[in-house]
Amino acid sequence: MKTREITILGKNLKVRFSLLSQIMFEQLSGKSFSELDTNSSKDRMVLYLAVLSSSNEGEMLTADELLKQCSLEDIRQIAQAV
């Protein structure tokens, strides 16, 4: 699995999809990873948060920052890295 690095809101973040990302998605969303609906904005945002949370220790992007402060370009950057 490849780790990518991105800068969002002045934070240098690692992005690496892993089994832990899947588990965190399930915990945050309350549904199985196999039920991930990539057409759902909510599911995508939960996935991005799960991947960022599982990939970074210390420097983090909160759910509030992801949903309220990130620009569309920031979201695109996260989506490409995931």
N, C-alpha and C. Protein backbone atom coordinates (compact mmCIF):
# COMPACT_ATOMS: atom_id res chain seq x y z
N MET A 1 0.82 -1.17 0.00
CA MET A 1 0.00 0.00 0.00
C MET A 1 0.87 1.24 0.00
N LYS A 2 0.57 2.13 -0.87
CA LYS A 2 1.36 3.33 -1.05
C LYS A 2 0.87 4.43 -0.11
N THR A 3 1.80 5.13 0.51
CA THR A 3 1.47 6.27 1.34
C THR A 3 1.74 7.54 0.56
N ARG A 4 0.75 8.42 0.51
CA ARG A 4 0.90 9.70 -0.15
C ARG A 4 0.88 10.79 0.91
N GLU A 5 1.45 11.92 0.59
CA GLU A 5 1.42 13.05 1.51
C GLU A 5 0.75 14.23 0.82
N ILE A 6 -0.14 14.88 1.58
CA ILE A 6 -0.86 16.05 1.07
C ILE A 6 -0.82 17.13 2.14
N THR A 7 -1.06 18.36 1.73
CA THR A 7 -1.16 19.47 2.68
C THR A 7 -2.56 20.07 2.56
N ILE A 8 -3.28 20.02 3.67
CA ILE A 8 -4.64 20.54 3.74
C ILE A 8 -4.72 21.46 4.95
N LEU A 9 -5.22 22.67 4.76
CA LEU A 9 -5.36 23.65 5.84
C LEU A 9 -4.06 23.83 6.62
N GLY A 10 -2.95 23.83 5.89
CA GLY A 10 -1.65 24.03 6.51
C GLY A 10 -1.11 22.83 7.27
N LYS A 11 -1.78 21.69 7.16
CA LYS A 11 -1.35 20.47 7.85
C LYS A 11 -0.79 19.48 6.84
N ASN A 12 0.37 18.94 7.14
CA ASN A 12 0.97 17.90 6.30
C ASN A 12 0.41 16.56 6.76
N LEU A 13 -0.34 15.92 5.90
CA LEU A 13 -1.03 14.68 6.25
C LEU A 13 -0.60 13.53 5.36
N LYS A 14 -0.53 12.35 5.96
CA LYS A 14 -0.28 11.13 5.20
C LYS A 14 -1.63 10.53 4.84
N VAL A 15 -1.67 9.90 3.68
CA VAL A 15 -2.89 9.23 3.23
C VAL A 15 -2.50 7.82 2.82
N ARG A 16 -3.03 6.86 3.54
CA ARG A 16 -2.73 5.45 3.25
C ARG A 16 -3.97 4.62 3.58
N PHE A 17 -4.53 3.98 2.58
CA PHE A 17 -5.69 3.13 2.81
C PHE A 17 -5.22 1.80 3.37
N SER A 18 -5.86 1.34 4.45
CA SER A 18 -5.47 0.11 5.10
C SER A 18 -6.69 -0.58 5.71
N LEU A 19 -6.46 -1.75 6.28
CA LEU A 19 -7.53 -2.46 6.97
C LEU A 19 -8.07 -1.61 8.12
N LEU A 20 -7.17 -0.90 8.79
CA LEU A 20 -7.61 -0.02 9.87
C LEU A 20 -8.55 1.06 9.34
N SER A 21 -8.31 1.55 8.14
CA SER A 21 -9.20 2.53 7.51
C SER A 21 -10.60 1.94 7.33
N GLN A 22 -10.66 0.68 6.89
CA GLN A 22 -11.94 0.01 6.72
C GLN A 22 -12.67 -0.13 8.04
N ILE A 23 -11.95 -0.55 9.07
CA ILE A 23 -12.55 -0.73 10.39
C ILE A 23 -13.07 0.61 10.92
N MET A 24 -12.27 1.66 10.75
CA MET A 24 -12.69 2.98 11.22
C MET A 24 -13.91 3.47 10.44
N PHE A 25 -13.97 3.19 9.14
CA PHE A 25 -15.15 3.55 8.35
C PHE A 25 -16.38 2.87 8.95
N GLU A 26 -16.26 1.59 9.25
CA GLU A 26 -17.39 0.84 9.81
C GLU A 26 -17.81 1.40 11.17
N GLN A 27 -16.84 1.76 12.00
CA GLN A 27 -17.17 2.33 13.31
C GLN A 27 -17.85 3.68 13.17
N LEU A 28 -17.35 4.52 12.29
CA LEU A 28 -17.90 5.86 12.13
C LEU A 28 -19.26 5.87 11.43
N SER A 29 -19.42 4.99 10.46
CA SER A 29 -20.65 5.00 9.66
C SER A 29 -21.73 4.09 10.22
N GLY A 30 -21.32 3.09 10.99
CA GLY A 30 -22.29 2.13 11.51
C GLY A 30 -22.74 1.11 10.49
N LYS A 31 -22.00 0.99 9.40
CA LYS A 31 -22.35 -0.02 8.40
C LYS A 31 -21.09 -0.70 7.89
N SER A 32 -21.28 -1.84 7.25
CA SER A 32 -20.18 -2.62 6.72
C SER A 32 -19.48 -1.88 5.59
N PHE A 33 -18.17 -2.11 5.48
CA PHE A 33 -17.41 -1.48 4.40
C PHE A 33 -17.95 -1.89 3.04
N SER A 34 -18.47 -3.11 2.95
CA SER A 34 -19.03 -3.58 1.68
C SER A 34 -20.27 -2.79 1.27
N GLU A 35 -20.86 -2.05 2.20
CA GLU A 35 -22.03 -1.22 1.90
C GLU A 35 -21.66 0.21 1.53
N LEU A 36 -20.36 0.51 1.44
CA LEU A 36 -19.90 1.85 1.07
C LEU A 36 -20.53 2.25 -0.25
N ASP A 37 -21.20 3.39 -0.26
CA ASP A 37 -21.82 3.92 -1.47
C ASP A 37 -20.98 5.10 -1.95
N THR A 38 -20.17 4.88 -2.97
CA THR A 38 -19.28 5.93 -3.44
C THR A 38 -20.04 7.09 -4.09
N ASN A 39 -21.33 6.93 -4.33
CA ASN A 39 -22.15 8.02 -4.86
C ASN A 39 -22.70 8.89 -3.73
N SER A 40 -22.53 8.46 -2.50
CA SER A 40 -23.02 9.20 -1.34
C SER A 40 -21.94 10.12 -0.79
N SER A 41 -22.23 11.40 -0.75
CA SER A 41 -21.26 12.36 -0.20
C SER A 41 -20.94 12.03 1.25
N LYS A 42 -21.94 11.63 1.99
CA LYS A 42 -21.74 11.28 3.41
C LYS A 42 -20.75 10.12 3.53
N ASP A 43 -20.96 9.06 2.77
CA ASP A 43 -20.06 7.91 2.82
C ASP A 43 -18.64 8.29 2.42
N ARG A 44 -18.50 9.11 1.38
CA ARG A 44 -17.17 9.53 0.96
C ARG A 44 -16.48 10.34 2.05
N MET A 45 -17.19 11.26 2.68
CA MET A 45 -16.59 12.08 3.73
C MET A 45 -16.18 11.22 4.93
N VAL A 46 -17.02 10.24 5.28
CA VAL A 46 -16.67 9.33 6.38
C VAL A 46 -15.44 8.51 6.01
N LEU A 47 -15.37 8.05 4.76
CA LEU A 47 -14.20 7.30 4.31
C LEU A 47 -12.95 8.16 4.38
N TYR A 48 -13.01 9.39 3.89
CA TYR A 48 -11.85 10.28 3.93
C TYR A 48 -11.39 10.51 5.37
N LEU A 49 -12.34 10.74 6.26
CA LEU A 49 -12.00 10.96 7.66
C LEU A 49 -11.36 9.70 8.26
N ALA A 50 -11.89 8.53 7.92
CA ALA A 50 -11.35 7.27 8.43
C ALA A 50 -9.92 7.05 7.92
N VAL A 51 -9.69 7.31 6.64
CA VAL A 51 -8.36 7.13 6.07
C VAL A 51 -7.37 8.11 6.69
N LEU A 52 -7.77 9.36 6.81
CA LEU A 52 -6.87 10.36 7.41
C LEU A 52 -6.59 10.04 8.88
N SER A 53 -7.61 9.61 9.60
CA SER A 53 -7.44 9.28 11.02
C SER A 53 -6.53 8.08 11.20
N SER A 54 -6.68 7.08 10.37
CA SER A 54 -5.88 5.87 10.51
C SER A 54 -4.45 6.04 9.99
N SER A 55 -4.21 7.06 9.21
CA SER A 55 -2.89 7.26 8.60
C SER A 55 -2.00 8.22 9.37
N ASN A 56 -2.57 8.98 10.29
CA ASN A 56 -1.81 10.05 10.94
C ASN A 56 -1.89 9.95 12.46
N GLU A 57 -0.75 10.16 13.08
CA GLU A 57 -0.69 10.28 14.52
C GLU A 57 -0.28 11.71 14.83
N GLY A 58 -0.92 12.33 15.76
CA GLY A 58 -0.56 13.71 16.09
C GLY A 58 -1.30 14.69 15.20
N GLU A 59 -0.70 15.08 14.10
CA GLU A 59 -1.31 16.05 13.18
C GLU A 59 -2.56 15.43 12.58
N MET A 60 -3.69 16.06 12.79
CA MET A 60 -4.95 15.50 12.35
C MET A 60 -5.82 16.55 11.69
N LEU A 61 -6.77 16.08 10.95
CA LEU A 61 -7.82 16.89 10.36
C LEU A 61 -9.10 16.42 11.02
N THR A 62 -9.79 17.31 11.72
CA THR A 62 -11.02 16.92 12.41
C THR A 62 -12.18 16.84 11.43
N ALA A 63 -13.25 16.20 11.88
CA ALA A 63 -14.46 16.12 11.06
C ALA A 63 -14.99 17.52 10.78
N ASP A 64 -14.93 18.39 11.77
CA ASP A 64 -15.40 19.76 11.61
C ASP A 64 -14.58 20.49 10.54
N GLU A 65 -13.26 20.33 10.58
CA GLU A 65 -12.41 20.96 9.57
C GLU A 65 -12.70 20.39 8.18
N LEU A 66 -12.86 19.08 8.10
CA LEU A 66 -13.14 18.44 6.81
C LEU A 66 -14.45 18.95 6.22
N LEU A 67 -15.47 19.05 7.05
CA LEU A 67 -16.80 19.41 6.55
C LEU A 67 -17.02 20.91 6.39
N LYS A 68 -16.38 21.72 7.21
CA LYS A 68 -16.67 23.15 7.20
C LYS A 68 -15.58 24.03 6.62
N GLN A 69 -14.33 23.60 6.70
CA GLN A 69 -13.25 24.49 6.31
C GLN A 69 -12.53 24.10 5.02
N CYS A 70 -12.60 22.85 4.63
CA CYS A 70 -11.90 22.40 3.42
C CYS A 70 -12.59 22.94 2.18
N SER A 71 -11.78 23.39 1.25
CA SER A 71 -12.32 23.84 -0.03
C SER A 71 -12.60 22.63 -0.92
N LEU A 72 -13.25 22.87 -2.02
CA LEU A 72 -13.51 21.80 -2.98
C LEU A 72 -12.20 21.23 -3.49
N GLU A 73 -11.21 22.08 -3.69
CA GLU A 73 -9.89 21.61 -4.14
C GLU A 73 -9.23 20.72 -3.08
N ASP A 74 -9.39 21.08 -1.80
CA ASP A 74 -8.87 20.24 -0.71
C ASP A 74 -9.52 18.86 -0.76
N ILE A 75 -10.83 18.82 -0.94
CA ILE A 75 -11.56 17.55 -0.99
C ILE A 75 -11.10 16.73 -2.19
N ARG A 76 -10.90 17.38 -3.33
CA ARG A 76 -10.40 16.67 -4.52
C ARG A 76 -9.02 16.07 -4.27
N GLN A 77 -8.19 16.82 -3.57
CA GLN A 77 -6.84 16.35 -3.25
C GLN A 77 -6.90 15.10 -2.35
N ILE A 78 -7.80 15.13 -1.38
CA ILE A 78 -7.97 13.97 -0.48
C ILE A 78 -8.51 12.79 -1.31
N ALA A 79 -9.52 13.04 -2.14
CA ALA A 79 -10.13 11.97 -2.94
C ALA A 79 -9.10 11.31 -3.86
N GLN A 80 -8.24 12.08 -4.48
CA GLN A 80 -7.23 11.53 -5.38
C GLN A 80 -6.23 10.68 -4.60
N ALA A 81 -5.91 11.11 -3.40
CA ALA A 81 -4.93 10.37 -2.59
C ALA A 81 -5.51 9.06 -2.06
N VAL A 82 -6.81 9.07 -1.76
CA VAL A 82 -7.45 7.86 -1.25
C VAL A 82 -7.63 6.89 -2.39
